[in-house]
Amino acid sequence: MTYVIHGATGAQGAPVVSALAAAGKSVTAVARNEHAVVDGARVVAAAYSSPADLTDAYRGAAGVFVHLPVTSEEDRQIFAGNILTAVRAAQPARVVFSTSGFPIDPAIGGAAATLAAGLTDSGVSHAVIAPELYLENLLMPYVIDSVRERGVLPYAIRADFPVSWASHLDIADVVVALFEHPDVTGVVSVGQYPAITGPDLAEAFGTRLGRDVVFEPITPEEMRTSIAPLIGEGAAADIAGAYQTMSTMPGRSIPPETSAQKLLGVTPRTTSQWLADIGV
């Protein structure tokens, strides 16, 4: 039996493929292009827009790792429905879904909430990985270039806003652990605990780079204009809206009772450890 990994050529799926392959697991990479080359995995072509493709990919799988792409909310809702159709039809042994930081509260709604609720009703063993914000967001050119060129780390949160940051490498560690521990179900929160602030991030970058780095809060609109050329206007507007909502919150800290630390014994990297691991 194989483990089926979505986004295997992307930022979140690729570390999962590497971690499973390193553990000696059989891995099947889901990609849009059947000719894609993914080290440590065989490749199948399957589109989020095709429930039939997804069903074929999931059938007989020991586990499926899925996350929704960053695109318009309308498309994400369609993709969530198609994934659920395929899960119900194929009945893989286990599904692990990463929310990628999107809310799963039914009262808030959204595609991630739709997918999480549907998995609960599917009858398939599953777990939902719930990170807050990704450290990889800090590698966006408008952030990392500013750090290197000006000694300023700009981000769309307040200076006193604590966040349980996590990396894609941490997600991969938790995915492997969840496939190995099917008794752990429901929501697993992933991120640094205690949560840290923007100035804490800047200090870690400064220590790593050997220079002074300061944190600079920017507005969600400034963030939108910076990321739109990279991910498109629609997705950038959705993300800016999420950060605008976030600006009214006291912080984004994981609840320790559902943390990967408690449930799986997996401790996410500190910011300094992550910077060292990715070679910044």
C-alpha atoms as a PDB file:
ATOM      1  CA  MET A   1       0.000   0.000   0.000  1.00  0.00           C
ATOM      2  CA  THR A   2       1.124   3.515  -0.766  1.00  0.00           C
ATOM      3  CA  TYR A   3       0.793   6.995   0.701  1.00  0.00           C
ATOM      4  CA  VAL A   4      -0.774   9.499  -1.684  1.00  0.00           C
ATOM      5  CA  ILE A   5       0.554  13.041  -1.351  1.00  0.00           C
ATOM      6  CA  HIS A   6      -1.036  16.149  -2.835  1.00  0.00           C
ATOM      7  CA  GLY A   7       1.148  19.076  -3.831  1.00  0.00           C
ATOM      8  CA  ALA A   8       4.171  16.807  -4.032  1.00  0.00           C
ATOM      9  CA  THR A   9       6.064  19.277  -6.214  1.00  0.00           C
ATOM     10  CA  GLY A  10       5.096  22.233  -4.018  1.00  0.00           C
ATOM     11  CA  ALA A  11       6.202  23.833  -0.781  1.00  0.00           C
ATOM     12  CA  GLN A  12       3.976  21.847   1.564  1.00  0.00           C
ATOM     13  CA  GLY A  13       3.780  18.465  -0.149  1.00  0.00           C
ATOM     14  CA  ALA A  14       7.426  18.050  -1.144  1.00  0.00           C
ATOM     15  CA  PRO A  15       8.731  17.797   2.453  1.00  0.00           C
ATOM     16  CA  VAL A  16       6.040  15.189   3.172  1.00  0.00           C
ATOM     17  CA  VAL A  17       7.223  13.075   0.241  1.00  0.00           C
ATOM     18  CA  SER A  18      10.825  13.365   1.433  1.00  0.00           C
ATOM     19  CA  ALA A  19       9.964  12.453   5.020  1.00  0.00           C
ATOM     20  CA  LEU A  20       7.895   9.406   4.031  1.00  0.00           C
ATOM     21  CA  ALA A  21      10.498   8.207   1.529  1.00  0.00           C
ATOM     22  CA  ALA A  22      13.205   8.579   4.186  1.00  0.00           C
ATOM     23  CA  ALA A  23      11.064   6.396   6.460  1.00  0.00           C
ATOM     24  CA  GLY A  24      10.997   3.703   3.779  1.00  0.00           C
ATOM     25  CA  LYS A  25       7.357   4.196   2.802  1.00  0.00           C
ATOM     26  CA  SER A  26       5.901   3.719  -0.664  1.00  0.00           C
ATOM     27  CA  VAL A  27       4.881   7.173  -1.904  1.00  0.00           C
ATOM     28  CA  THR A  28       2.618   8.254  -4.747  1.00  0.00           C
ATOM     29  CA  ALA A  29       2.869  11.896  -5.744  1.00  0.00           C
ATOM     30  CA  VAL A  30      -0.237  13.602  -7.098  1.00  0.00           C
ATOM     31  CA  ALA A  31       0.642  16.179  -9.728  1.00  0.00           C
ATOM     32  CA  ARG A  32      -1.092  17.979 -12.565  1.00  0.00           C
ATOM     33  CA  ASN A  33       1.607  16.789 -14.972  1.00  0.00           C
ATOM     34  CA  GLU A  34       2.032  13.034 -15.329  1.00  0.00           C
ATOM     35  CA  HIS A  35       5.588  13.624 -16.545  1.00  0.00           C
ATOM     36  CA  ALA A  36       6.643  15.430 -13.361  1.00  0.00           C
ATOM     37  CA  VAL A  37       9.664  13.948 -11.618  1.00  0.00           C
ATOM     38  CA  VAL A  38       9.430  13.587  -7.839  1.00  0.00           C
ATOM     39  CA  ASP A  39      12.357  11.984  -6.041  1.00  0.00           C
ATOM     40  CA  GLY A  40      11.291   9.052  -3.902  1.00  0.00           C
ATOM     41  CA  ALA A  41       7.836   8.710  -5.426  1.00  0.00           C
ATOM     42  CA  ARG A  42       5.909   7.475  -8.422  1.00  0.00           C
ATOM     43  CA  VAL A  43       3.739  10.146 -10.018  1.00  0.00           C
ATOM     44  CA  VAL A  44       0.062  10.020 -10.941  1.00  0.00           C
ATOM     45  CA  ALA A  45      -1.776  12.800 -12.736  1.00  0.00           C
ATOM     46  CA  ALA A  46      -4.915  13.876 -10.908  1.00  0.00           C
ATOM     47  CA  ALA A  47      -6.688  17.217 -10.866  1.00  0.00           C
ATOM     48  CA  TYR A  48      -8.570  18.703  -7.924  1.00  0.00           C
ATOM     49  CA  SER A  49     -11.299  19.473 -10.456  1.00  0.00           C
ATOM     50  CA  SER A  50     -11.858  15.770 -11.242  1.00  0.00           C
ATOM     51  CA  PRO A  51     -13.488  13.561  -8.592  1.00  0.00           C
ATOM     52  CA  ALA A  52     -12.840  10.556 -10.860  1.00  0.00           C
ATOM     53  CA  ASP A  53      -9.088  11.286 -10.995  1.00  0.00           C
ATOM     54  CA  LEU A  54      -8.950  11.702  -7.228  1.00  0.00           C
ATOM     55  CA  THR A  55     -10.930   8.527  -6.598  1.00  0.00           C
ATOM     56  CA  ASP A  56      -8.528   6.531  -8.757  1.00  0.00           C
ATOM     57  CA  ALA A  57      -5.554   8.050  -6.924  1.00  0.00           C
ATOM     58  CA  TYR A  58      -6.973   7.359  -3.442  1.00  0.00           C
ATOM     59  CA  ARG A  59      -8.238   3.820  -3.987  1.00  0.00           C
ATOM     60  CA  GLY A  60      -6.204   1.296  -1.974  1.00  0.00           C
ATOM     61  CA  ALA A  61      -4.062   3.982  -0.313  1.00  0.00           C
ATOM     62  CA  ALA A  62      -2.625   3.444   3.154  1.00  0.00           C
ATOM     63  CA  GLY A  63      -2.935   7.191   3.629  1.00  0.00           C
ATOM     64  CA  VAL A  64      -3.727  10.402   1.790  1.00  0.00           C
ATOM     65  CA  PHE A  65      -2.239  13.793   2.621  1.00  0.00           C
ATOM     66  CA  VAL A  66      -4.257  16.679   1.257  1.00  0.00           C
ATOM     67  CA  HIS A  67      -4.311  20.451   1.506  1.00  0.00           C
ATOM     68  CA  LEU A  68      -6.263  22.978  -0.516  1.00  0.00           C
ATOM     69  CA  PRO A  69      -4.349  25.195  -2.948  1.00  0.00           C
ATOM     70  CA  VAL A  70      -4.183  28.951  -2.533  1.00  0.00           C
ATOM     71  CA  THR A  71      -6.710  30.093  -5.096  1.00  0.00           C
ATOM     72  CA  SER A  72     -10.148  31.699  -5.135  1.00  0.00           C
ATOM     73  CA  GLU A  73     -12.557  30.615  -2.404  1.00  0.00           C
ATOM     74  CA  GLU A  74     -15.041  29.524  -5.066  1.00  0.00           C
ATOM     75  CA  ASP A  75     -12.526  27.066  -6.525  1.00  0.00           C
ATOM     76  CA  ARG A  76     -11.468  25.896  -3.067  1.00  0.00           C
ATOM     77  CA  GLN A  77     -15.070  24.989  -2.240  1.00  0.00           C
ATOM     78  CA  ILE A  78     -15.335  22.981  -5.457  1.00  0.00           C
ATOM     79  CA  PHE A  79     -12.061  21.202  -4.732  1.00  0.00           C
ATOM     80  CA  ALA A  80     -13.124  20.405  -1.155  1.00  0.00           C
ATOM     81  CA  GLY A  81     -16.313  18.816  -2.458  1.00  0.00           C
ATOM     82  CA  ASN A  82     -14.412  16.780  -5.031  1.00  0.00           C
ATOM     83  CA  ILE A  83     -11.925  15.532  -2.443  1.00  0.00           C
ATOM     84  CA  LEU A  84     -14.767  14.427  -0.197  1.00  0.00           C
ATOM     85  CA  THR A  85     -16.503  12.665  -3.074  1.00  0.00           C
ATOM     86  CA  ALA A  86     -13.284  10.769  -3.797  1.00  0.00           C
ATOM     87  CA  VAL A  87     -12.638   9.897  -0.137  1.00  0.00           C
ATOM     88  CA  ARG A  88     -16.151   8.488   0.252  1.00  0.00           C
ATOM     89  CA  ALA A  89     -15.845   6.476  -2.960  1.00  0.00           C
ATOM     90  CA  ALA A  90     -12.270   5.210  -2.551  1.00  0.00           C
ATOM     91  CA  GLN A  91     -12.234   4.703   1.238  1.00  0.00           C
ATOM     92  CA  PRO A  92      -8.477   5.085   1.803  1.00  0.00           C
ATOM     93  CA  ALA A  93      -7.249   3.735   5.129  1.00  0.00           C
ATOM     94  CA  ARG A  94      -6.378   7.176   6.505  1.00  0.00           C
ATOM     95  CA  VAL A  95      -6.618  10.846   5.495  1.00  0.00           C
ATOM     96  CA  VAL A  96      -4.518  13.659   6.926  1.00  0.00           C
ATOM     97  CA  PHE A  97      -5.677  17.156   5.985  1.00  0.00           C
ATOM     98  CA  SER A  98      -3.659  20.312   6.600  1.00  0.00           C
ATOM     99  CA  THR A  99      -5.797  23.411   6.938  1.00  0.00           C
ATOM    100  CA  SER A 100      -2.789  25.568   5.935  1.00  0.00           C
ATOM    101  CA  GLY A 101      -3.921  28.019   8.591  1.00  0.00           C
ATOM    102  CA  PHE A 102      -7.448  28.526   7.249  1.00  0.00           C
ATOM    103  CA  PRO A 103     -10.269  28.367   9.823  1.00  0.00           C
ATOM    104  CA  ILE A 104     -12.281  25.184  10.279  1.00  0.00           C
ATOM    105  CA  ASP A 105     -14.947  26.614  12.567  1.00  0.00           C
ATOM    106  CA  PRO A 106     -18.319  25.897  10.881  1.00  0.00           C
ATOM    107  CA  ALA A 107     -19.589  29.227  12.212  1.00  0.00           C
ATOM    108  CA  ILE A 108     -16.916  31.005  10.161  1.00  0.00           C
ATOM    109  CA  GLY A 109     -17.303  28.777   7.125  1.00  0.00           C
ATOM    110  CA  GLY A 110     -14.984  28.407   4.162  1.00  0.00           C
ATOM    111  CA  ALA A 111     -13.593  25.533   2.134  1.00  0.00           C
ATOM    112  CA  ALA A 112     -11.298  24.258   4.897  1.00  0.00           C
ATOM    113  CA  ALA A 113     -14.249  24.051   7.273  1.00  0.00           C
ATOM    114  CA  THR A 114     -16.257  22.220   4.612  1.00  0.00           C
ATOM    115  CA  LEU A 115     -13.499  19.675   4.090  1.00  0.00           C
ATOM    116  CA  ALA A 116     -12.872  19.131   7.803  1.00  0.00           C
ATOM    117  CA  ALA A 117     -16.577  18.595   8.507  1.00  0.00           C
ATOM    118  CA  GLY A 118     -16.933  16.286   5.534  1.00  0.00           C
ATOM    119  CA  LEU A 119     -14.056  14.112   6.673  1.00  0.00           C
ATOM    120  CA  THR A 120     -15.722  13.754  10.060  1.00  0.00           C
ATOM    121  CA  ASP A 121     -18.842  12.459   8.314  1.00  0.00           C
ATOM    122  CA  SER A 122     -16.983  10.237   5.837  1.00  0.00           C
ATOM    123  CA  GLY A 123     -16.387   7.273   8.117  1.00  0.00           C
ATOM    124  CA  VAL A 124     -12.687   7.282   7.127  1.00  0.00           C
ATOM    125  CA  SER A 125      -9.961   7.486   9.785  1.00  0.00           C
ATOM    126  CA  HIS A 126      -8.585  10.999   9.615  1.00  0.00           C
ATOM    127  CA  ALA A 127      -6.782  13.802  11.386  1.00  0.00           C
ATOM    128  CA  VAL A 128      -6.758  17.539  10.728  1.00  0.00           C
ATOM    129  CA  ILE A 129      -3.466  19.402  11.055  1.00  0.00           C
ATOM    130  CA  ALA A 130      -4.131  22.973  12.169  1.00  0.00           C
ATOM    131  CA  PRO A 131      -1.135  25.304  11.881  1.00  0.00           C
ATOM    132  CA  GLU A 132      -1.469  29.034  12.514  1.00  0.00           C
ATOM    133  CA  LEU A 133       1.034  30.855  10.260  1.00  0.00           C
ATOM    134  CA  TYR A 134       3.891  29.431   8.205  1.00  0.00           C
ATOM    135  CA  LEU A 135       7.479  30.509   8.691  1.00  0.00           C
ATOM    136  CA  GLU A 136       7.876  30.079   4.923  1.00  0.00           C
ATOM    137  CA  ASN A 137       5.710  33.179   4.518  1.00  0.00           C
ATOM    138  CA  LEU A 138       8.798  35.069   5.664  1.00  0.00           C
ATOM    139  CA  LEU A 139      10.641  33.898   2.545  1.00  0.00           C
ATOM    140  CA  MET A 140       8.334  35.932   0.310  1.00  0.00           C
ATOM    141  CA  PRO A 141      10.559  38.408  -1.598  1.00  0.00           C
ATOM    142  CA  TYR A 142       9.033  41.487   0.019  1.00  0.00           C
ATOM    143  CA  VAL A 143      10.007  40.092   3.441  1.00  0.00           C
ATOM    144  CA  ILE A 144      13.342  38.343   3.000  1.00  0.00           C
ATOM    145  CA  ASP A 145      14.734  40.936   0.563  1.00  0.00           C
ATOM    146  CA  SER A 146      13.913  43.676   3.057  1.00  0.00           C
ATOM    147  CA  VAL A 147      15.599  41.725   5.851  1.00  0.00           C
ATOM    148  CA  ARG A 148      18.768  41.300   3.808  1.00  0.00           C
ATOM    149  CA  GLU A 149      18.877  44.746   2.233  1.00  0.00           C
ATOM    150  CA  ARG A 150      17.494  47.000   4.995  1.00  0.00           C
ATOM    151  CA  GLY A 151      17.613  44.975   8.197  1.00  0.00           C
ATOM    152  CA  VAL A 152      13.819  45.299   8.434  1.00  0.00           C
ATOM    153  CA  LEU A 153      11.347  42.401   8.688  1.00  0.00           C
ATOM    154  CA  PRO A 154       7.944  43.643   7.426  1.00  0.00           C
ATOM    155  CA  TYR A 155       4.786  41.639   8.116  1.00  0.00           C
ATOM    156  CA  ALA A 156       1.057  42.294   8.440  1.00  0.00           C
ATOM    157  CA  ILE A 157       0.704  41.686  12.178  1.00  0.00           C
ATOM    158  CA  ARG A 158       1.059  43.959  15.182  1.00  0.00           C
ATOM    159  CA  ALA A 159       4.381  43.961  17.021  1.00  0.00           C
ATOM    160  CA  ASP A 160       2.661  42.577  20.113  1.00  0.00           C
ATOM    161  CA  PHE A 161       0.726  39.861  18.229  1.00  0.00           C
ATOM    162  CA  PRO A 162       1.884  36.394  19.428  1.00  0.00           C
ATOM    163  CA  VAL A 163       1.864  33.580  16.851  1.00  0.00           C
ATOM    164  CA  SER A 164       2.609  29.862  17.095  1.00  0.00           C
ATOM    165  CA  TRP A 165       4.645  29.804  13.896  1.00  0.00           C
ATOM    166  CA  ALA A 166       5.297  26.462  12.158  1.00  0.00           C
ATOM    167  CA  SER A 167       7.230  25.419   9.072  1.00  0.00           C
ATOM    168  CA  HIS A 168       6.400  23.072   6.229  1.00  0.00           C
ATOM    169  CA  LEU A 169       9.108  20.809   7.652  1.00  0.00           C
ATOM    170  CA  ASP A 170       7.145  20.609  10.902  1.00  0.00           C
ATOM    171  CA  ILE A 171       3.993  19.708   8.981  1.00  0.00           C
ATOM    172  CA  ALA A 172       5.859  16.872   7.278  1.00  0.00           C
ATOM    173  CA  ASP A 173       7.037  15.530  10.648  1.00  0.00           C
ATOM    174  CA  VAL A 174       3.471  15.574  11.954  1.00  0.00           C
ATOM    175  CA  VAL A 175       2.044  13.924   8.819  1.00  0.00           C
ATOM    176  CA  VAL A 176       4.449  11.001   9.172  1.00  0.00           C
ATOM    177  CA  ALA A 177       3.616  10.685  12.869  1.00  0.00           C
ATOM    178  CA  LEU A 178      -0.128  10.738  12.165  1.00  0.00           C
ATOM    179  CA  PHE A 179       0.201   8.016   9.556  1.00  0.00           C
ATOM    180  CA  GLU A 180       2.120   5.949  12.117  1.00  0.00           C
ATOM    181  CA  HIS A 181      -0.438   6.641  14.885  1.00  0.00           C
ATOM    182  CA  PRO A 182      -3.937   6.128  13.477  1.00  0.00           C
ATOM    183  CA  ASP A 183      -5.290   6.245  17.025  1.00  0.00           C
ATOM    184  CA  VAL A 184      -4.702  10.008  17.025  1.00  0.00           C
ATOM    185  CA  THR A 185      -7.721  11.578  15.349  1.00  0.00           C
ATOM    186  CA  GLY A 186      -9.416  14.945  15.182  1.00  0.00           C
ATOM    187  CA  VAL A 187      -7.550  18.247  15.254  1.00  0.00           C
ATOM    188  CA  VAL A 188      -3.799  18.374  15.903  1.00  0.00           C
ATOM    189  CA  SER A 189      -2.453  21.895  16.416  1.00  0.00           C
ATOM    190  CA  VAL A 190       1.045  22.534  15.047  1.00  0.00           C
ATOM    191  CA  GLY A 191       3.270  25.437  16.002  1.00  0.00           C
ATOM    192  CA  GLN A 192       5.717  26.913  18.458  1.00  0.00           C
ATOM    193  CA  TYR A 193       4.472  27.118  22.016  1.00  0.00           C
ATOM    194  CA  PRO A 194       4.654  29.525  23.742  1.00  0.00           C
ATOM    195  CA  ALA A 195       3.810  31.756  20.791  1.00  0.00           C
ATOM    196  CA  ILE A 196       6.270  34.450  19.727  1.00  0.00           C
ATOM    197  CA  THR A 197       5.967  38.015  18.413  1.00  0.00           C
ATOM    198  CA  GLY A 198       7.281  39.865  15.372  1.00  0.00           C
ATOM    199  CA  PRO A 199      10.256  41.303  17.266  1.00  0.00           C
ATOM    200  CA  ASP A 200      11.116  37.739  18.340  1.00  0.00           C
ATOM    201  CA  LEU A 201      11.193  36.731  14.670  1.00  0.00           C
ATOM    202  CA  ALA A 202      13.398  39.689  13.809  1.00  0.00           C
ATOM    203  CA  GLU A 203      15.811  38.794  16.604  1.00  0.00           C
ATOM    204  CA  ALA A 204      16.143  35.223  15.295  1.00  0.00           C
ATOM    205  CA  PHE A 205      16.856  36.498  11.777  1.00  0.00           C
ATOM    206  CA  GLY A 206      19.363  38.998  13.117  1.00  0.00           C
ATOM    207  CA  THR A 207      21.217  36.341  15.099  1.00  0.00           C
ATOM    208  CA  ARG A 208      21.319  34.035  12.096  1.00  0.00           C
ATOM    209  CA  LEU A 209      22.487  36.746   9.670  1.00  0.00           C
ATOM    210  CA  GLY A 210      24.858  38.436  12.097  1.00  0.00           C
ATOM    211  CA  ARG A 211      23.244  41.871  11.828  1.00  0.00           C
ATOM    212  CA  ASP A 212      20.590  43.982  13.508  1.00  0.00           C
ATOM    213  CA  VAL A 213      17.072  43.241  12.242  1.00  0.00           C
ATOM    214  CA  VAL A 214      13.971  45.089  13.415  1.00  0.00           C
ATOM    215  CA  PHE A 215      10.313  44.206  12.970  1.00  0.00           C
ATOM    216  CA  GLU A 216       8.023  46.524  10.995  1.00  0.00           C
ATOM    217  CA  PRO A 217       4.234  46.061  11.045  1.00  0.00           C
ATOM    218  CA  ILE A 218       2.598  46.695   7.666  1.00  0.00           C
ATOM    219  CA  THR A 219      -1.065  46.859   6.706  1.00  0.00           C
ATOM    220  CA  PRO A 220      -2.968  43.999   5.064  1.00  0.00           C
ATOM    221  CA  GLU A 221      -3.342  46.239   1.998  1.00  0.00           C
ATOM    222  CA  GLU A 222       0.423  46.678   1.763  1.00  0.00           C
ATOM    223  CA  MET A 223       0.749  42.914   2.031  1.00  0.00           C
ATOM    224  CA  ARG A 224      -1.827  42.426  -0.736  1.00  0.00           C
ATOM    225  CA  THR A 225       0.032  44.637  -3.191  1.00  0.00           C
ATOM    226  CA  SER A 226       3.289  42.819  -2.402  1.00  0.00           C
ATOM    227  CA  ILE A 227       1.989  39.277  -2.948  1.00  0.00           C
ATOM    228  CA  ALA A 228      -0.523  39.827  -5.777  1.00  0.00           C
ATOM    229  CA  PRO A 229       2.136  39.585  -8.530  1.00  0.00           C
ATOM    230  CA  LEU A 230       3.153  36.182  -7.135  1.00  0.00           C
ATOM    231  CA  ILE A 231      -0.206  34.508  -6.378  1.00  0.00           C
ATOM    232  CA  GLY A 232      -2.780  36.542  -8.302  1.00  0.00           C
ATOM    233  CA  GLU A 233      -5.147  39.349  -7.365  1.00  0.00           C
ATOM    234  CA  GLY A 234      -8.018  37.145  -6.166  1.00  0.00           C
ATOM    235  CA  ALA A 235      -5.965  34.984  -3.833  1.00  0.00           C
ATOM    236  CA  ALA A 236      -4.037  38.034  -2.587  1.00  0.00           C
ATOM    237  CA  ALA A 237      -7.290  39.834  -1.774  1.00  0.00           C
ATOM    238  CA  ASP A 238      -8.576  36.796   0.156  1.00  0.00           C
ATOM    239  CA  ILE A 239      -5.360  36.586   2.174  1.00  0.00           C
ATOM    240  CA  ALA A 240      -5.384  40.322   2.882  1.00  0.00           C
ATOM    241  CA  GLY A 241      -8.955  39.969   4.114  1.00  0.00           C
ATOM    242  CA  ALA A 242      -7.880  37.179   6.456  1.00  0.00           C
ATOM    243  CA  TYR A 243      -5.089  39.356   7.855  1.00  0.00           C
ATOM    244  CA  GLN A 244      -7.517  42.246   8.282  1.00  0.00           C
ATOM    245  CA  THR A 245      -9.721  39.971  10.373  1.00  0.00           C
ATOM    246  CA  MET A 246      -6.651  38.760  12.247  1.00  0.00           C
ATOM    247  CA  SER A 247      -5.816  42.345  13.201  1.00  0.00           C
ATOM    248  CA  THR A 248      -8.797  42.334  15.574  1.00  0.00           C
ATOM    249  CA  MET A 249      -7.617  39.197  17.387  1.00  0.00           C
ATOM    250  CA  PRO A 250      -5.350  39.076  20.469  1.00  0.00           C
ATOM    251  CA  GLY A 251      -3.008  36.547  18.813  1.00  0.00           C
ATOM    252  CA  ARG A 252      -2.765  33.177  17.087  1.00  0.00           C
ATOM    253  CA  SER A 253      -1.452  30.700  19.608  1.00  0.00           C
ATOM    254  CA  ILE A 254      -2.116  26.979  19.416  1.00  0.00           C
ATOM    255  CA  PRO A 255      -4.061  25.374  22.274  1.00  0.00           C
ATOM    256  CA  PRO A 256      -1.531  23.185  24.107  1.00  0.00           C
ATOM    257  CA  GLU A 257      -4.103  20.475  24.836  1.00  0.00           C
ATOM    258  CA  THR A 258      -4.390  19.600  21.112  1.00  0.00           C
ATOM    259  CA  SER A 259      -0.750  20.280  20.217  1.00  0.00           C
ATOM    260  CA  ALA A 260       1.510  17.922  18.305  1.00  0.00           C
ATOM    261  CA  GLN A 261       3.828  18.215  21.287  1.00  0.00           C
ATOM    262  CA  LYS A 262       1.237  16.638  23.586  1.00  0.00           C
ATOM    263  CA  LEU A 263      -0.561  14.248  21.218  1.00  0.00           C
ATOM    264  CA  LEU A 264       2.411  12.966  19.204  1.00  0.00           C
ATOM    265  CA  GLY A 265       5.563  14.010  21.017  1.00  0.00           C
ATOM    266  CA  VAL A 266       6.580  16.102  17.977  1.00  0.00           C
ATOM    267  CA  THR A 267       8.058  19.497  18.852  1.00  0.00           C
ATOM    268  CA  PRO A 268       8.130  22.085  16.043  1.00  0.00           C
ATOM    269  CA  ARG A 269      11.352  23.851  15.213  1.00  0.00           C
ATOM    270  CA  THR A 270      12.224  27.182  16.739  1.00  0.00           C
ATOM    271  CA  THR A 271      12.687  30.003  14.256  1.00  0.00           C
ATOM    272  CA  SER A 272      16.448  29.710  14.646  1.00  0.00           C
ATOM    273  CA  GLN A 273      16.360  25.961  14.005  1.00  0.00           C
ATOM    274  CA  TRP A 274      14.199  26.466  10.928  1.00  0.00           C
ATOM    275  CA  LEU A 275      16.549  29.116   9.518  1.00  0.00           C
ATOM    276  CA  ALA A 276      19.479  26.739   9.996  1.00  0.00           C
ATOM    277  CA  ASP A 277      17.609  23.824   8.394  1.00  0.00           C
ATOM    278  CA  ILE A 278      16.758  25.789   5.241  1.00  0.00           C
ATOM    279  CA  GLY A 279      20.180  27.376   4.992  1.00  0.00           C
ATOM    280  CA  VAL A 280      19.283  31.044   5.353  1.00  0.00           C
END
